Amino acid sequence: MLTGELVRLRALEPSDAESLYRWVHDDEVGQWMNNDHPLSLDQLRKRGEDRKTNTYGLVVLGIEAVADDKLIGVIDLRDARPEEGRAELDIYLGEKDYWDGGYGTEALKLMCRYGFNVMRLHLIALWVVAENERARHVYRKVGFVEDGRHRECFRGNDGKYHDMYLMSLLEGELKD
């Protein structure tokens, strides 16, 4: 486990399916997420039971609040290849009561440190919808910079297309 003052990152358990189900069915939580086709709670439980072991190419961790041991979100590093030294990051906090207070910022820092120190990555990249200013603020705060803009490439829950920013963080740029 990776532990900070506010959060710990841990492997997901099949019992986490109830939280995941609630989050993906919450329009506010899922506003800027690409979701699969709708899944039942039983299908999410099965997915959790069949989840493959974390590997270099895909590390998926639950974000748990230290104070109450409550699962509040998910973070991952994916598409990592040692010969390239880069990976893409995804994060979301499903528990809206934890959207403020530094939980996402600390989870992001813990995962980036893991990527740079343990996985020996040189670059971590992510995509964020242009209108998701809350997330963009957190990414900039920890050191991510905007590399480019991809026009109208994300179709939101509102049925409209939105621009997305590609952001990246190089080894050594993570802000404390």
Protein backbone atom coordinates (compact mmCIF):
# COMPACT_ATOMS: atom_id res chain seq x y z
CA MET A 1 0.00 0.00 0.00
CA LEU A 2 1.02 3.58 -0.66
CA THR A 3 0.02 5.77 2.27
CA GLY A 4 -0.07 9.51 2.81
CA GLU A 5 -1.68 11.68 5.48
CA LEU A 6 -5.14 11.67 3.87
CA VAL A 7 -5.27 8.63 1.57
CA ARG A 8 -3.83 5.22 0.97
CA LEU A 9 -3.72 3.52 -2.41
CA ARG A 10 -4.54 -0.17 -2.33
CA ALA A 11 -5.50 -2.99 -4.64
CA LEU A 12 -9.19 -3.14 -5.49
CA GLU A 13 -11.25 -5.91 -3.93
CA PRO A 14 -14.38 -7.61 -5.30
CA SER A 15 -16.27 -6.08 -2.37
CA ASP A 16 -15.58 -2.63 -3.85
CA ALA A 17 -18.15 -3.32 -6.59
CA GLU A 18 -20.99 -1.65 -4.66
CA SER A 19 -19.12 1.67 -4.52
CA LEU A 20 -18.06 1.45 -8.17
CA TYR A 21 -21.64 0.69 -9.22
CA ARG A 22 -22.96 3.71 -7.29
CA TRP A 23 -20.31 6.01 -8.77
CA VAL A 24 -20.77 5.03 -12.42
CA HIS A 25 -24.51 5.58 -12.07
CA ASP A 26 -24.08 9.07 -10.59
CA ASP A 27 -24.33 11.65 -13.39
CA GLU A 28 -22.25 14.22 -11.50
CA VAL A 29 -19.41 11.77 -10.75
CA GLY A 30 -19.44 10.38 -14.30
CA GLN A 31 -19.83 13.72 -16.08
CA TRP A 32 -16.31 13.71 -17.55
CA MET A 33 -15.67 9.94 -17.64
CA ASN A 34 -15.78 7.51 -20.52
CA ASN A 35 -17.95 4.70 -19.21
CA ASP A 36 -18.47 1.24 -20.62
CA HIS A 37 -21.90 0.12 -21.57
CA PRO A 38 -24.12 -0.17 -18.49
CA LEU A 39 -23.20 -3.03 -16.16
CA SER A 40 -25.26 -4.57 -13.39
CA LEU A 41 -23.95 -4.83 -9.85
CA ASP A 42 -23.47 -8.58 -10.37
CA GLN A 43 -21.44 -7.91 -13.53
CA LEU A 44 -19.23 -5.45 -11.65
CA ARG A 45 -18.75 -8.00 -8.85
CA LYS A 46 -17.76 -10.62 -11.42
CA ARG A 47 -15.34 -8.17 -13.04
CA GLY A 48 -13.82 -7.56 -9.60
CA GLU A 49 -13.45 -11.28 -8.94
CA ASP A 50 -11.86 -11.81 -12.37
CA ARG A 51 -9.61 -8.73 -12.16
CA LYS A 52 -6.11 -9.56 -13.27
CA THR A 53 -3.14 -8.93 -11.05
CA ASN A 54 -1.61 -5.49 -11.34
CA THR A 55 1.31 -5.51 -13.77
CA TYR A 56 3.75 -3.01 -15.18
CA GLY A 57 1.35 -2.35 -18.07
CA LEU A 58 -1.67 -1.68 -15.85
CA VAL A 59 -1.73 -0.71 -12.18
CA VAL A 60 -5.25 -0.05 -10.85
CA LEU A 61 -5.60 1.02 -7.22
CA GLY A 62 -8.41 2.10 -4.98
CA ILE A 63 -8.14 5.44 -3.18
CA GLU A 64 -9.07 4.99 0.46
CA ALA A 65 -9.48 7.75 3.06
CA VAL A 66 -7.06 7.08 5.94
CA ALA A 67 -9.37 8.60 8.57
CA ASP A 68 -12.27 6.20 8.02
CA ASP A 69 -10.95 3.42 5.72
CA LYS A 70 -13.58 4.36 3.15
CA LEU A 71 -13.02 3.75 -0.55
CA ILE A 72 -13.42 7.14 -2.21
CA GLY A 73 -12.02 6.68 -5.72
CA VAL A 74 -9.85 4.87 -8.23
CA ILE A 75 -6.52 5.72 -9.84
CA ASP A 76 -4.49 3.88 -12.47
CA LEU A 77 -1.36 3.95 -14.56
CA ARG A 78 -1.96 2.18 -17.85
CA ASP A 79 -0.33 1.42 -21.17
CA ALA A 80 3.12 1.50 -19.57
CA ARG A 81 6.01 -0.06 -21.48
CA PRO A 82 9.49 -0.19 -19.94
CA GLU A 83 11.19 0.54 -23.26
CA GLU A 84 9.24 3.82 -23.57
CA GLY A 85 9.31 4.92 -19.93
CA ARG A 86 5.85 6.46 -20.11
CA ALA A 87 2.32 5.68 -18.95
CA GLU A 88 -1.12 7.28 -18.96
CA LEU A 89 -2.91 8.12 -15.73
CA ASP A 90 -6.63 8.11 -14.91
CA ILE A 91 -8.17 9.21 -11.61
CA TYR A 92 -11.59 9.88 -10.22
CA LEU A 93 -13.07 10.43 -6.81
CA GLY A 94 -16.51 8.88 -6.60
CA GLU A 95 -17.37 10.11 -3.11
CA LYS A 96 -18.39 13.74 -3.57
CA ASP A 97 -17.87 14.52 0.14
CA TYR A 98 -14.13 14.09 -0.54
CA TRP A 99 -13.89 16.31 -3.63
CA ASP A 100 -12.35 19.09 -1.59
CA GLY A 101 -9.69 18.85 1.08
CA GLY A 102 -6.68 17.54 -0.83
CA TYR A 103 -7.63 13.86 -1.23
CA GLY A 104 -7.29 13.81 -5.01
CA THR A 105 -4.10 15.86 -4.91
CA GLU A 106 -2.45 13.48 -2.46
CA ALA A 107 -3.59 10.39 -4.38
CA LEU A 108 -2.18 11.88 -7.57
CA LYS A 109 1.18 12.61 -5.93
CA LEU A 110 1.41 9.12 -4.41
CA MET A 111 0.69 7.46 -7.76
CA CYS A 112 3.12 9.67 -9.67
CA ARG A 113 5.88 8.96 -7.12
CA TYR A 114 5.14 5.26 -7.52
CA GLY A 115 5.35 5.61 -11.30
CA PHE A 116 8.65 7.48 -11.24
CA ASN A 117 10.37 5.66 -8.37
CA VAL A 118 9.12 2.08 -8.64
CA MET A 119 8.15 1.75 -12.29
CA ARG A 120 11.06 3.97 -13.43
CA LEU A 121 8.84 6.03 -15.71
CA HIS A 122 10.14 9.21 -17.28
CA LEU A 123 6.77 10.68 -18.32
CA ILE A 124 3.20 10.37 -17.07
CA ALA A 125 0.47 11.71 -19.35
CA LEU A 126 -3.27 12.19 -19.00
CA TRP A 127 -6.24 13.56 -20.90
CA VAL A 128 -8.73 15.94 -19.31
CA VAL A 129 -11.88 17.58 -20.66
CA ALA A 130 -11.33 21.31 -21.14
CA GLU A 131 -14.36 22.25 -19.01
CA ASN A 132 -13.22 20.10 -16.08
CA GLU A 133 -11.48 22.99 -14.37
CA ARG A 134 -11.48 21.30 -10.96
CA ALA A 135 -9.31 18.45 -12.30
CA ARG A 136 -7.12 20.73 -14.41
CA HIS A 137 -6.39 22.84 -11.33
CA VAL A 138 -5.24 19.78 -9.36
CA TYR A 139 -3.09 18.51 -12.23
CA ARG A 140 -1.36 21.89 -12.61
CA LYS A 141 -0.88 22.11 -8.84
CA VAL A 142 1.18 18.91 -8.79
CA GLY A 143 3.23 19.91 -11.85
CA PHE A 144 1.41 18.68 -14.96
CA VAL A 145 1.63 21.00 -17.96
CA GLU A 146 -0.73 21.29 -20.92
CA ASP A 147 0.93 19.89 -24.03
CA GLY A 148 -1.89 20.24 -26.51
CA ARG A 149 -5.59 20.39 -27.19
CA HIS A 150 -7.62 17.78 -29.07
CA ARG A 151 -10.76 19.38 -30.49
CA GLU A 152 -14.23 17.93 -29.90
CA CYS A 153 -12.98 14.44 -29.10
CA PHE A 154 -15.05 13.72 -25.98
CA ARG A 155 -18.78 13.25 -26.06
CA GLY A 156 -20.21 14.12 -22.66
CA ASN A 157 -23.35 12.96 -20.91
CA ASP A 158 -24.96 16.10 -22.32
CA GLY A 159 -24.55 14.70 -25.85
CA LYS A 160 -22.21 17.54 -26.82
CA TYR A 161 -18.62 17.24 -27.95
CA HIS A 162 -15.90 18.78 -25.82
CA ASP A 163 -12.23 19.53 -26.32
CA MET A 164 -9.64 17.70 -24.25
CA TYR A 165 -6.18 18.70 -23.10
CA LEU A 166 -3.21 16.38 -23.14
CA MET A 167 -1.16 17.05 -20.02
CA SER A 168 2.14 15.54 -18.93
CA LEU A 169 4.53 15.40 -16.03
CA LEU A 170 8.21 14.53 -16.44
CA GLU A 171 10.32 12.76 -13.88
CA GLY A 172 11.63 15.46 -11.53
CA GLU A 173 8.74 17.90 -12.13
CA LEU A 174 6.41 16.61 -9.39
CA LYS A 175 5.69 19.43 -6.92
CA ASP A 176 5.46 18.70 -3.20
